[in-house]
């Protein structure tokens, strides 16, 4: 092997080395870009999850408030019916007492 062949082989190895390094740099840039996209997607998903959790909490509090008002309304209606029944019994007792005196 003479100097010219050794020099040619050295040049070829240097070009191969440069080609491999440029490929590695390109792959690293693509990975960095994908990592940044993944991080952005992850942040967006986290924000969406927080909004969904807030919506769920809001819906749950509204449902609880409506449930409480329904229970209060039923209690009021039950008390009104009980009062009406008590007044009917008192009126019947008074009518019976007055009817029995005659």
N, C-alpha and C. Protein backbone atom coordinates (compact mmCIF):
# COMPACT_ATOMS: atom_id res chain seq x y z
N UNK A 1 0.86 -1.16 0.00
CA UNK A 1 0.00 0.00 0.00
C UNK A 1 0.90 1.23 0.00
N UNK A 2 0.71 2.07 -0.96
CA UNK A 2 1.54 3.26 -1.05
C UNK A 2 0.85 4.44 -0.39
N UNK A 3 1.52 5.58 -0.40
CA UNK A 3 0.99 6.78 0.28
C UNK A 3 -0.31 7.26 -0.34
N UNK A 4 -0.45 7.15 -1.63
CA UNK A 4 -1.65 7.63 -2.31
C UNK A 4 -2.86 6.80 -1.88
N UNK A 5 -2.71 5.50 -1.79
CA UNK A 5 -3.81 4.64 -1.37
C UNK A 5 -4.15 4.89 0.11
N UNK A 6 -3.14 5.07 0.92
CA UNK A 6 -3.37 5.35 2.34
C UNK A 6 -4.08 6.68 2.51
N UNK A 7 -3.69 7.67 1.72
CA UNK A 7 -4.33 8.98 1.79
C UNK A 7 -5.78 8.88 1.31
N UNK A 8 -6.03 8.12 0.24
CA UNK A 8 -7.38 7.92 -0.27
C UNK A 8 -8.25 7.21 0.76
N UNK A 9 -7.69 6.17 1.38
CA UNK A 9 -8.42 5.45 2.42
C UNK A 9 -8.72 6.34 3.61
N UNK A 10 -7.77 7.18 4.00
CA UNK A 10 -7.97 8.12 5.09
C UNK A 10 -9.08 9.10 4.76
N UNK A 11 -9.11 9.62 3.54
CA UNK A 11 -10.17 10.54 3.11
C UNK A 11 -11.53 9.86 3.15
N UNK A 12 -11.58 8.62 2.70
CA UNK A 12 -12.85 7.89 2.70
C UNK A 12 -13.35 7.68 4.13
N UNK A 13 -12.44 7.33 5.03
CA UNK A 13 -12.84 7.16 6.43
C UNK A 13 -13.29 8.49 7.04
N UNK A 14 -12.63 9.57 6.69
CA UNK A 14 -13.03 10.89 7.19
C UNK A 14 -14.41 11.27 6.67
N UNK A 15 -14.68 11.00 5.41
CA UNK A 15 -16.01 11.29 4.85
C UNK A 15 -17.07 10.42 5.52
N UNK A 16 -16.74 9.15 5.75
CA UNK A 16 -17.67 8.26 6.45
C UNK A 16 -17.95 8.76 7.86
N UNK A 17 -16.89 9.17 8.55
CA UNK A 17 -17.04 9.72 9.90
C UNK A 17 -17.92 10.97 9.89
N UNK A 18 -17.68 11.88 8.94
CA UNK A 18 -18.50 13.09 8.83
C UNK A 18 -19.95 12.76 8.52
N UNK A 19 -20.15 11.79 7.65
CA UNK A 19 -21.51 11.37 7.31
C UNK A 19 -22.23 10.80 8.53
N UNK A 20 -21.54 9.96 9.27
CA UNK A 20 -22.15 9.37 10.48
C UNK A 20 -22.44 10.45 11.51
N UNK A 21 -21.53 11.38 11.70
CA UNK A 21 -21.75 12.47 12.67
C UNK A 21 -22.93 13.34 12.25
N UNK A 22 -23.04 13.63 10.97
CA UNK A 22 -24.17 14.45 10.52
C UNK A 22 -25.49 13.71 10.71
N UNK A 23 -25.49 12.41 10.48
CA UNK A 23 -26.70 11.61 10.72
C UNK A 23 -27.07 11.64 12.20
N UNK A 24 -26.07 11.47 13.06
CA UNK A 24 -26.34 11.53 14.50
C UNK A 24 -26.90 12.88 14.91
N UNK A 25 -26.34 13.96 14.38
CA UNK A 25 -26.85 15.30 14.72
C UNK A 25 -28.29 15.47 14.25
N UNK A 26 -28.58 14.97 13.04
CA UNK A 26 -29.94 15.06 12.51
C UNK A 26 -30.90 14.26 13.37
N UNK A 27 -30.50 13.06 13.75
CA UNK A 27 -31.35 12.22 14.60
C UNK A 27 -31.55 12.87 15.96
N UNK A 28 -30.50 13.46 16.52
CA UNK A 28 -30.63 14.15 17.81
C UNK A 28 -31.58 15.33 17.71
N UNK A 29 -31.51 16.08 16.61
CA UNK A 29 -32.44 17.21 16.43
C UNK A 29 -33.87 16.71 16.32
N UNK A 30 -34.07 15.62 15.58
CA UNK A 30 -35.42 15.06 15.47
C UNK A 30 -35.93 14.59 16.83
N UNK A 31 -35.06 13.97 17.61
CA UNK A 31 -35.47 13.53 18.94
C UNK A 31 -35.80 14.71 19.85
N UNK A 32 -35.01 15.75 19.78
CA UNK A 32 -35.30 16.95 20.58
C UNK A 32 -36.63 17.56 20.16
N UNK A 33 -36.88 17.59 18.86
CA UNK A 33 -38.14 18.14 18.36
C UNK A 33 -39.32 17.28 18.84
N UNK A 34 -39.17 15.97 18.74
CA UNK A 34 -40.24 15.08 19.21
C UNK A 34 -40.43 15.21 20.72
N UNK A 35 -39.34 15.35 21.44
CA UNK A 35 -39.46 15.53 22.90
C UNK A 35 -40.21 16.81 23.23
N UNK A 36 -39.91 17.88 22.50
CA UNK A 36 -40.62 19.14 22.76
C UNK A 36 -42.09 19.01 22.40
N UNK A 37 -42.40 18.32 21.29
CA UNK A 37 -43.80 18.10 20.93
C UNK A 37 -44.51 17.24 21.98
N UNK A 38 -43.83 16.20 22.45
CA UNK A 38 -44.42 15.35 23.49
C UNK A 38 -44.67 16.14 24.78
N UNK A 39 -43.72 16.99 25.14
CA UNK A 39 -43.90 17.81 26.35
C UNK A 39 -45.08 18.76 26.18
N UNK A 40 -45.20 19.34 25.00
CA UNK A 40 -46.33 20.25 24.74
C UNK A 40 -47.65 19.50 24.79
N UNK A 41 -47.69 18.31 24.20
CA UNK A 41 -48.91 17.50 24.25
C UNK A 41 -49.24 17.13 25.69
N UNK A 42 -48.22 16.77 26.46
CA UNK A 42 -48.44 16.38 27.85
C UNK A 42 -49.01 17.55 28.65
N UNK A 43 -48.48 18.74 28.44
CA UNK A 43 -49.00 19.92 29.14
C UNK A 43 -50.44 20.19 28.73
N UNK A 44 -50.75 20.04 27.45
CA UNK A 44 -52.11 20.25 26.98
C UNK A 44 -53.05 19.23 27.61
N UNK A 45 -52.63 17.99 27.67
CA UNK A 45 -53.45 16.94 28.27
C UNK A 45 -53.66 17.21 29.76
N UNK A 46 -52.61 17.65 30.45
CA UNK A 46 -52.75 17.98 31.87
C UNK A 46 -53.75 19.12 32.07
N UNK A 47 -53.68 20.14 31.22
CA UNK A 47 -54.63 21.25 31.32
C UNK A 47 -56.05 20.76 31.07
N UNK A 48 -56.22 19.90 30.07
CA UNK A 48 -57.55 19.38 29.79
C UNK A 48 -58.07 18.55 30.95
N UNK A 49 -57.21 17.77 31.57
CA UNK A 49 -57.62 16.96 32.73
C UNK A 49 -58.05 17.87 33.88
N UNK A 50 -57.31 18.96 34.10
CA UNK A 50 -57.68 19.88 35.17
C UNK A 50 -59.03 20.53 34.89
N UNK A 51 -59.28 20.90 33.63
CA UNK A 51 -60.57 21.50 33.29
C UNK A 51 -61.70 20.48 33.46
N UNK A 52 -61.44 19.25 33.06
CA UNK A 52 -62.45 18.22 33.21
C UNK A 52 -62.74 17.96 34.69
N UNK A 53 -61.69 17.92 35.50
CA UNK A 53 -61.89 17.71 36.94
C UNK A 53 -62.68 18.87 37.55
N UNK A 54 -62.40 20.08 37.10
CA UNK A 54 -63.15 21.24 37.60
C UNK A 54 -64.61 21.14 37.18
N UNK A 55 -64.85 20.72 35.93
CA UNK A 55 -66.23 20.56 35.47
C UNK A 55 -66.96 19.48 36.26
N UNK A 56 -66.27 18.39 36.52
CA UNK A 56 -66.88 17.30 37.29
C UNK A 56 -67.22 17.77 38.70
N UNK A 57 -66.30 18.50 39.32
CA UNK A 57 -66.57 19.02 40.66
C UNK A 57 -67.75 19.99 40.65
N UNK A 58 -67.82 20.83 39.62
CA UNK A 58 -68.93 21.77 39.50
C UNK A 58 -70.25 21.03 39.32
N UNK A 59 -70.25 20.02 38.45
CA UNK A 59 -71.48 19.25 38.23
C UNK A 59 -71.89 18.52 39.50
N UNK A 60 -70.91 17.97 40.21
CA UNK A 60 -71.22 17.26 41.44
C UNK A 60 -71.81 18.20 42.49
N UNK A 61 -71.26 19.40 42.61
CA UNK A 61 -71.80 20.35 43.60
C UNK A 61 -73.20 20.80 43.20
N UNK A 62 -73.43 20.96 41.90
CA UNK A 62 -74.79 21.33 41.45
C UNK A 62 -75.78 20.21 41.73
N UNK A 63 -75.38 18.98 41.47
CA UNK A 63 -76.27 17.85 41.73
C UNK A 63 -76.57 17.75 43.22
N UNK A 64 -75.55 17.94 44.06
CA UNK A 64 -75.78 17.89 45.51
C UNK A 64 -76.72 19.01 45.95
N UNK A 65 -76.56 20.20 45.40
CA UNK A 65 -77.43 21.32 45.76
C UNK A 65 -78.87 21.03 45.34
N UNK A 66 -79.05 20.48 44.16
CA UNK A 66 -80.40 20.15 43.70
C UNK A 66 -80.99 19.05 44.56
N UNK A 67 -80.17 18.06 44.91
CA UNK A 67 -80.64 16.97 45.77
C UNK A 67 -81.08 17.52 47.13
N UNK A 68 -80.29 18.43 47.69
CA UNK A 68 -80.65 19.03 48.97
C UNK A 68 -81.95 19.82 48.87
N UNK A 69 -82.13 20.55 47.78
CA UNK A 69 -83.36 21.33 47.64
C UNK A 69 -84.57 20.42 47.43
N UNK A 70 -84.39 19.31 46.74
CA UNK A 70 -85.50 18.35 46.57
C UNK A 70 -85.88 17.76 47.92
N UNK A 71 -84.87 17.40 48.72
CA UNK A 71 -85.15 16.85 50.05
C UNK A 71 -85.87 17.89 50.92
N UNK A 72 -85.41 19.14 50.86
CA UNK A 72 -86.06 20.20 51.64
C UNK A 72 -87.49 20.41 51.18
N UNK A 73 -87.72 20.37 49.87
CA UNK A 73 -89.07 20.55 49.33
C UNK A 73 -89.97 19.40 49.76
N UNK A 74 -89.45 18.18 49.72
CA UNK A 74 -90.26 17.03 50.15
C UNK A 74 -90.57 17.13 51.64
N UNK A 75 -89.60 17.58 52.43
CA UNK A 75 -89.83 17.73 53.88
C UNK A 75 -90.89 18.77 54.14
N UNK A 76 -90.82 19.89 53.43
CA UNK A 76 -91.83 20.94 53.60
C UNK A 76 -93.20 20.45 53.19
N UNK A 77 -93.28 19.72 52.08
CA UNK A 77 -94.56 19.19 51.63
C UNK A 77 -95.12 18.19 52.63
N UNK A 78 -94.25 17.37 53.18
CA UNK A 78 -94.69 16.38 54.18
C UNK A 78 -95.20 17.07 55.43
N UNK A 79 -94.49 18.11 55.89
CA UNK A 79 -94.95 18.86 57.06
C UNK A 79 -96.28 19.55 56.79
N UNK A 80 -96.45 20.08 55.59
CA UNK A 80 -97.72 20.74 55.25
C UNK A 80 -98.86 19.73 55.24
N UNK A 81 -98.62 18.54 54.69
CA UNK A 81 -99.65 17.51 54.69
C UNK A 81 -99.98 17.05 56.11
N UNK A 82 -98.94 16.94 56.94
CA UNK A 82 -99.18 16.55 58.34
C UNK A 82 -99.98 17.62 59.06
N UNK A 83 -99.67 18.88 58.81
CA UNK A 83 -100.43 19.97 59.43
C UNK A 83 -101.88 19.96 58.96
N UNK A 84 -102.08 19.71 57.67
CA UNK A 84 -103.45 19.65 57.14
C UNK A 84 -104.21 18.49 57.77
N UNK A 85 -103.56 17.35 57.93
CA UNK A 85 -104.22 16.20 58.56
C UNK A 85 -104.54 16.50 60.02
N UNK A 86 -103.64 17.19 60.72
CA UNK A 86 -103.89 17.55 62.12
C UNK A 86 -105.07 18.51 62.22
N UNK A 87 -105.12 19.50 61.33
CA UNK A 87 -106.26 20.43 61.35
C UNK A 87 -107.57 19.72 61.04
N UNK A 88 -107.52 18.75 60.13
CA UNK A 88 -108.74 17.98 59.81
C UNK A 88 -109.20 17.19 61.02
N UNK A 89 -108.24 16.58 61.73
CA UNK A 89 -108.60 15.82 62.94
C UNK A 89 -109.17 16.74 64.02
N UNK A 90 -108.56 17.91 64.18
CA UNK A 90 -109.06 18.86 65.19
C UNK A 90 -110.47 19.33 64.82
N UNK A 91 -110.67 19.62 63.52
CA UNK A 91 -112.01 20.06 63.07
C UNK A 91 -113.03 18.95 63.27
N UNK A 92 -112.64 17.71 62.99
CA UNK A 92 -113.57 16.59 63.18
C UNK A 92 -113.87 16.39 64.67
N UNK A 93 -112.85 16.57 65.51
CA UNK A 93 -113.08 16.42 66.95
C UNK A 93 -114.00 17.52 67.46
N UNK A 94 -113.79 18.75 66.97
CA UNK A 94 -114.67 19.86 67.40
C UNK A 94 -116.09 19.62 66.91
N UNK A 95 -116.22 19.16 65.66
CA UNK A 95 -117.57 18.89 65.12
C UNK A 95 -118.25 17.77 65.91
N UNK A 96 -117.51 16.76 66.28
CA UNK A 96 -118.09 15.66 67.06
C UNK A 96 -118.46 16.15 68.46
N UNK A 97 -117.65 16.97 69.06
CA UNK A 97 -117.93 17.49 70.38
C UNK A 97 -119.17 18.39 70.36
N UNK A 98 -119.23 19.27 69.32
CA UNK A 98 -120.39 20.14 69.21
C UNK A 98 -121.64 19.35 68.86
N UNK A 99 -121.49 18.36 68.03
CA UNK A 99 -122.64 17.52 67.66
C UNK A 99 -123.12 16.68 68.83
N UNK A 100 -122.24 16.32 69.72
CA UNK A 100 -122.61 15.49 70.86
C UNK A 100 -123.29 16.31 71.94
N UNK A 101 -123.12 17.63 71.99
CA UNK A 101 -123.73 18.48 73.00
C UNK A 101 -125.19 18.75 72.69
N UNK A 102 -125.58 18.62 71.50
CA UNK A 102 -126.96 18.96 71.18
C UNK A 102 -127.87 17.86 71.48
